[in-house]
């Protein structure tokens, strides 16, 4: 056997990463978070890109954390309305986490994947028209009951214990939404509308508890469905990488007085 033949056989006996079967690569994926799969393999070659896109999805736990963060954001709550059934939003994947500010959303985490929420009434600039069409095809509406920061509602009677409630009770006395709340509550919760409007605020906050919980669950379901549809359509795009900034929603917020 010549040296050339020996070297050729030796070279052929070496298994490289490219020789691994899809099944073995998927086993490796099991040990990697979503972000590492995309960063390591998306731009490697067509085969690995297809495996990443087909067998990688977003974390439901992380999505729930992003929803909860939005639902306790008071700056967002102040802009929610009952007009037209609620304030319209889009949801977009983003390879970073941003702290929500009206003018300058500061990036606070660049190492993980998040879902960002944007009001369609704001100036939203999305460079890729394909992505823009998908995001705006799955808009949803959130009303002030989405704000879910628990608090304590005091009572007029000194001898009564303070009751657990939510801050949503003040929307009834808010000039901002007074024209929209009454028809909205009568349309959606007619059975308790009379009780709400004939009682003082402390009683109203207690009466609103079933509405608060029902609207919270409804909003969660609506957001989950929108995210699922957006994700499925976006990953059908051959070159879509959710971690690349050019695919995300760049936006400038409009101050709402």
Protein backbone atom coordinates (compact mmCIF):
# COMPACT_ATOMS: atom_id res chain seq x y z
CA UNK A 1 0.00 0.00 0.00
CA UNK A 2 1.44 3.33 -1.06
CA UNK A 3 1.72 6.31 1.24
CA UNK A 4 -0.79 8.19 -0.93
CA UNK A 5 -3.35 5.39 -0.62
CA UNK A 6 -2.79 5.15 3.13
CA UNK A 7 -3.32 8.88 3.60
CA UNK A 8 -6.48 8.75 1.47
CA UNK A 9 -7.96 5.91 3.52
CA UNK A 10 -7.03 7.66 6.74
CA UNK A 11 -8.69 10.87 5.57
CA UNK A 12 -11.87 9.01 4.58
CA UNK A 13 -12.04 7.39 8.00
CA UNK A 14 -12.28 10.77 9.77
CA UNK A 15 -15.84 11.84 10.56
CA UNK A 16 -16.48 15.56 10.46
CA UNK A 17 -19.46 17.53 11.71
CA UNK A 18 -20.79 17.70 8.17
CA UNK A 19 -20.98 13.89 8.12
CA UNK A 20 -23.33 13.73 11.11
CA UNK A 21 -26.85 12.57 10.41
CA UNK A 22 -29.83 14.87 11.02
CA UNK A 23 -30.81 12.67 13.96
CA UNK A 24 -27.47 13.25 15.71
CA UNK A 25 -27.60 16.98 15.03
CA UNK A 26 -31.09 17.14 16.55
CA UNK A 27 -29.72 15.37 19.62
CA UNK A 28 -27.12 18.14 19.90
CA UNK A 29 -29.91 20.71 19.56
CA UNK A 30 -31.54 19.27 22.66
CA UNK A 31 -28.64 20.58 24.74
CA UNK A 32 -28.67 24.06 23.21
CA UNK A 33 -31.01 26.98 23.87
CA UNK A 34 -32.77 28.61 20.95
CA UNK A 35 -30.31 31.50 20.68
CA UNK A 36 -27.27 29.20 20.47
CA UNK A 37 -28.87 27.12 17.72
CA UNK A 38 -29.45 30.17 15.57
CA UNK A 39 -26.08 31.78 16.31
CA UNK A 40 -24.10 28.59 15.69
CA UNK A 41 -25.88 26.92 12.79
CA UNK A 42 -28.23 29.27 10.95
CA UNK A 43 -25.53 30.69 8.65
CA UNK A 44 -23.41 27.52 8.46
CA UNK A 45 -25.06 25.94 5.44
CA UNK A 46 -28.49 25.30 3.93
CA UNK A 47 -28.94 21.88 5.56
CA UNK A 48 -28.31 23.14 9.10
CA UNK A 49 -30.38 26.24 8.50
CA UNK A 50 -33.35 24.11 7.55
CA UNK A 51 -32.88 21.91 10.61
CA UNK A 52 -32.73 24.95 12.90
CA UNK A 53 -35.80 26.53 11.35
CA UNK A 54 -37.85 23.33 11.37
CA UNK A 55 -36.97 22.02 14.82
CA UNK A 56 -36.57 25.19 16.87
CA UNK A 57 -39.39 27.15 18.41
CA UNK A 58 -39.73 29.90 20.98
CA UNK A 59 -39.95 29.32 24.71
CA UNK A 60 -43.50 29.54 26.06
CA UNK A 61 -42.09 30.32 29.51
CA UNK A 62 -40.07 33.26 28.15
CA UNK A 63 -43.11 34.52 26.25
CA UNK A 64 -45.19 34.44 29.43
CA UNK A 65 -42.48 36.47 31.18
CA UNK A 66 -42.58 39.08 28.40
CA UNK A 67 -46.39 39.25 28.60
CA UNK A 68 -46.26 39.68 32.37
CA UNK A 69 -43.66 42.43 32.05
CA UNK A 70 -45.89 44.31 29.62
CA UNK A 71 -48.97 43.81 31.80
CA UNK A 72 -47.26 45.48 34.78
CA UNK A 73 -45.80 48.38 32.78
CA UNK A 74 -47.62 51.47 34.04
CA UNK A 75 -46.32 53.64 31.18
CA UNK A 76 -48.05 51.25 28.78
CA UNK A 77 -51.20 51.06 30.91
CA UNK A 78 -51.69 54.82 30.71
CA UNK A 79 -52.00 54.55 26.93
CA UNK A 80 -54.49 51.65 26.83
CA UNK A 81 -58.09 52.51 25.98
CA UNK A 82 -61.53 50.93 25.52
CA UNK A 83 -62.00 52.90 22.28
CA UNK A 84 -62.68 50.54 19.34
CA UNK A 85 -62.51 47.60 21.74
CA UNK A 86 -58.97 48.33 22.90
CA UNK A 87 -55.60 49.70 21.79
CA UNK A 88 -54.18 47.87 18.77
CA UNK A 89 -50.78 46.12 19.04
CA UNK A 90 -48.38 44.07 17.00
CA UNK A 91 -45.89 41.60 18.46
CA UNK A 92 -42.40 41.11 17.01
CA UNK A 93 -39.48 38.77 17.76
CA UNK A 94 -36.32 40.48 18.88
CA UNK A 95 -32.86 39.18 19.71
CA UNK A 96 -32.57 41.54 22.67
CA UNK A 97 -34.58 42.83 25.59
CA UNK A 98 -35.36 46.51 25.77
CA UNK A 99 -36.57 48.60 28.67
CA UNK A 100 -39.69 50.41 27.52
CA UNK A 101 -39.26 54.19 27.31
CA UNK A 102 -41.42 56.59 25.28
CA UNK A 103 -38.47 58.16 23.47
CA UNK A 104 -35.43 55.92 23.81
CA UNK A 105 -35.99 52.21 24.54
CA UNK A 106 -32.75 51.18 26.22
CA UNK A 107 -31.33 47.73 25.46
CA UNK A 108 -30.74 45.84 28.70
CA UNK A 109 -30.14 42.27 27.45
CA UNK A 110 -28.54 41.32 24.13
CA UNK A 111 -27.96 37.64 24.85
CA UNK A 112 -31.49 36.23 24.79
CA UNK A 113 -34.61 36.09 22.66
CA UNK A 114 -37.71 38.11 23.53
CA UNK A 115 -41.04 39.21 22.13
CA UNK A 116 -41.55 42.96 21.90
CA UNK A 117 -44.97 44.64 21.78
CA UNK A 118 -45.68 47.82 19.84
CA UNK A 119 -48.78 49.97 19.56
CA UNK A 120 -49.72 50.39 15.92
CA UNK A 121 -50.54 54.04 16.56
CA UNK A 122 -46.83 54.61 17.20
CA UNK A 123 -44.35 55.24 14.40
CA UNK A 124 -43.16 51.72 13.63
CA UNK A 125 -40.46 51.30 10.99
CA UNK A 126 -39.81 47.75 9.79
CA UNK A 127 -37.23 47.55 6.99
CA UNK A 128 -38.40 44.23 5.52
CA UNK A 129 -41.83 44.63 3.93
CA UNK A 130 -42.49 40.87 4.11
CA UNK A 131 -42.04 40.94 7.88
CA UNK A 132 -44.16 44.07 8.20
CA UNK A 133 -47.05 42.41 6.34
CA UNK A 134 -46.90 39.36 8.60
CA UNK A 135 -46.79 41.37 11.84
CA UNK A 136 -49.69 43.61 10.81
CA UNK A 137 -51.71 40.62 9.66
CA UNK A 138 -51.88 39.44 13.28
CA UNK A 139 -52.69 42.58 15.27
CA UNK A 140 -54.62 42.35 18.53
CA UNK A 141 -56.22 44.78 20.98
CA UNK A 142 -55.59 45.31 24.69
CA UNK A 143 -57.77 47.37 27.02
CA UNK A 144 -56.89 48.85 30.45
CA UNK A 145 -57.89 45.61 32.19
CA UNK A 146 -54.73 44.07 30.74
CA UNK A 147 -52.77 46.00 33.34
CA UNK A 148 -52.34 43.38 36.05
CA UNK A 149 -50.38 44.90 38.87
CA UNK A 150 -51.95 43.65 42.10
CA UNK A 151 -52.64 46.09 44.89
CA UNK A 152 -54.79 46.64 47.95
CA UNK A 153 -58.14 48.38 47.85
CA UNK A 154 -59.06 50.04 51.11
CA UNK A 155 -62.64 50.20 52.41
CA UNK A 156 -64.55 53.04 54.04
CA UNK A 157 -65.34 51.01 57.13
CA UNK A 158 -62.44 51.08 59.58
CA UNK A 159 -63.37 47.72 61.03
CA UNK A 160 -63.28 45.90 57.69
CA UNK A 161 -60.15 44.24 56.47
CA UNK A 162 -58.47 45.69 53.44
CA UNK A 163 -59.36 43.70 50.37
CA UNK A 164 -57.10 42.49 47.59
CA UNK A 165 -57.92 44.26 44.37
CA UNK A 166 -56.37 45.84 41.30
CA UNK A 167 -55.75 49.39 40.24
CA UNK A 168 -58.23 49.10 37.37
CA UNK A 169 -61.09 50.51 39.42
CA UNK A 170 -59.98 54.07 38.77
CA UNK A 171 -60.70 53.78 35.05
CA UNK A 172 -64.38 54.39 35.79
CA UNK A 173 -63.55 57.86 37.08
CA UNK A 174 -60.99 58.57 34.40
CA UNK A 175 -61.90 61.35 32.00
CA UNK A 176 -59.67 59.71 29.44
CA UNK A 177 -61.90 56.65 29.05
CA UNK A 178 -65.24 57.68 30.53
CA UNK A 179 -66.90 57.91 27.10
CA UNK A 180 -65.80 54.42 26.12
CA UNK A 181 -65.92 52.36 29.29
CA UNK A 182 -69.67 52.40 29.92
CA UNK A 183 -70.73 51.12 26.48
CA UNK A 184 -67.85 48.62 26.57
CA UNK A 185 -68.83 47.11 29.94
CA UNK A 186 -72.50 46.96 28.92
CA UNK A 187 -71.61 45.20 25.69
CA UNK A 188 -69.26 42.65 27.29
CA UNK A 189 -70.49 42.27 30.90
CA UNK A 190 -74.11 43.39 30.92
CA UNK A 191 -74.97 41.18 33.92
CA UNK A 192 -72.80 43.26 36.28
CA UNK A 193 -72.99 46.66 34.59
CA UNK A 194 -75.75 48.02 36.86
CA UNK A 195 -73.93 46.90 40.00
CA UNK A 196 -70.77 48.65 38.87
CA UNK A 197 -72.29 52.02 38.08
CA UNK A 198 -74.59 52.36 41.09
CA UNK A 199 -71.96 51.68 43.78
CA UNK A 200 -69.11 53.73 45.26
CA UNK A 201 -65.58 53.19 44.00
CA UNK A 202 -64.51 50.73 46.72
CA UNK A 203 -67.45 48.46 45.90
CA UNK A 204 -66.84 48.89 42.19
CA UNK A 205 -63.27 47.64 42.54
CA UNK A 206 -64.56 44.49 44.20
CA UNK A 207 -67.30 44.04 41.58
CA UNK A 208 -64.74 44.40 38.81
CA UNK A 209 -62.60 41.50 40.03
CA UNK A 210 -64.33 38.89 37.78
CA UNK A 211 -63.91 41.27 34.83
CA UNK A 212 -60.23 41.80 35.64
CA UNK A 213 -59.55 38.07 35.75
CA UNK A 214 -61.63 37.27 32.66
CA UNK A 215 -60.01 40.02 30.59
CA UNK A 216 -56.53 38.97 31.74
CA UNK A 217 -57.09 35.39 30.62
CA UNK A 218 -58.64 36.56 27.36
CA UNK A 219 -55.73 38.90 26.62
CA UNK A 220 -53.21 36.15 27.33
CA UNK A 221 -54.95 33.80 24.92
CA UNK A 222 -55.14 36.46 22.22
CA UNK A 223 -51.43 37.27 22.55
CA UNK A 224 -50.43 33.59 22.57
CA UNK A 225 -52.38 32.98 19.36
CA UNK A 226 -50.91 36.07 17.68
CA UNK A 227 -47.36 35.05 18.62
CA UNK A 228 -47.89 31.52 17.31
CA UNK A 229 -49.22 32.75 13.95
CA UNK A 230 -46.44 35.35 13.59
CA UNK A 231 -43.75 32.76 14.41
CA UNK A 232 -45.12 30.18 11.97
CA UNK A 233 -45.30 32.68 9.11
CA UNK A 234 -41.94 34.30 9.81
CA UNK A 235 -40.03 31.05 9.88
CA UNK A 236 -41.47 30.17 6.47
CA UNK A 237 -39.23 32.95 5.12
CA UNK A 238 -36.03 31.31 3.94
CA UNK A 239 -33.67 34.00 5.24
CA UNK A 240 -35.49 34.94 8.43
CA UNK A 241 -33.31 34.90 11.53
CA UNK A 242 -35.14 36.26 14.62
CA UNK A 243 -31.85 37.20 16.28
CA UNK A 244 -30.68 39.58 13.57
CA UNK A 245 -31.51 43.19 14.29
CA UNK A 246 -32.45 44.04 10.71
CA UNK A 247 -35.46 41.73 10.97
CA UNK A 248 -36.86 43.31 14.10
CA UNK A 249 -39.24 46.21 14.59
CA UNK A 250 -37.36 49.49 14.78
CA UNK A 251 -39.66 52.14 16.13
CA UNK A 252 -39.89 55.61 17.54
CA UNK A 253 -42.58 56.15 20.14
CA UNK A 254 -45.04 59.01 19.89
CA UNK A 255 -45.77 60.72 23.19
CA UNK A 256 -49.47 60.41 24.03
CA UNK A 257 -50.75 63.17 26.27
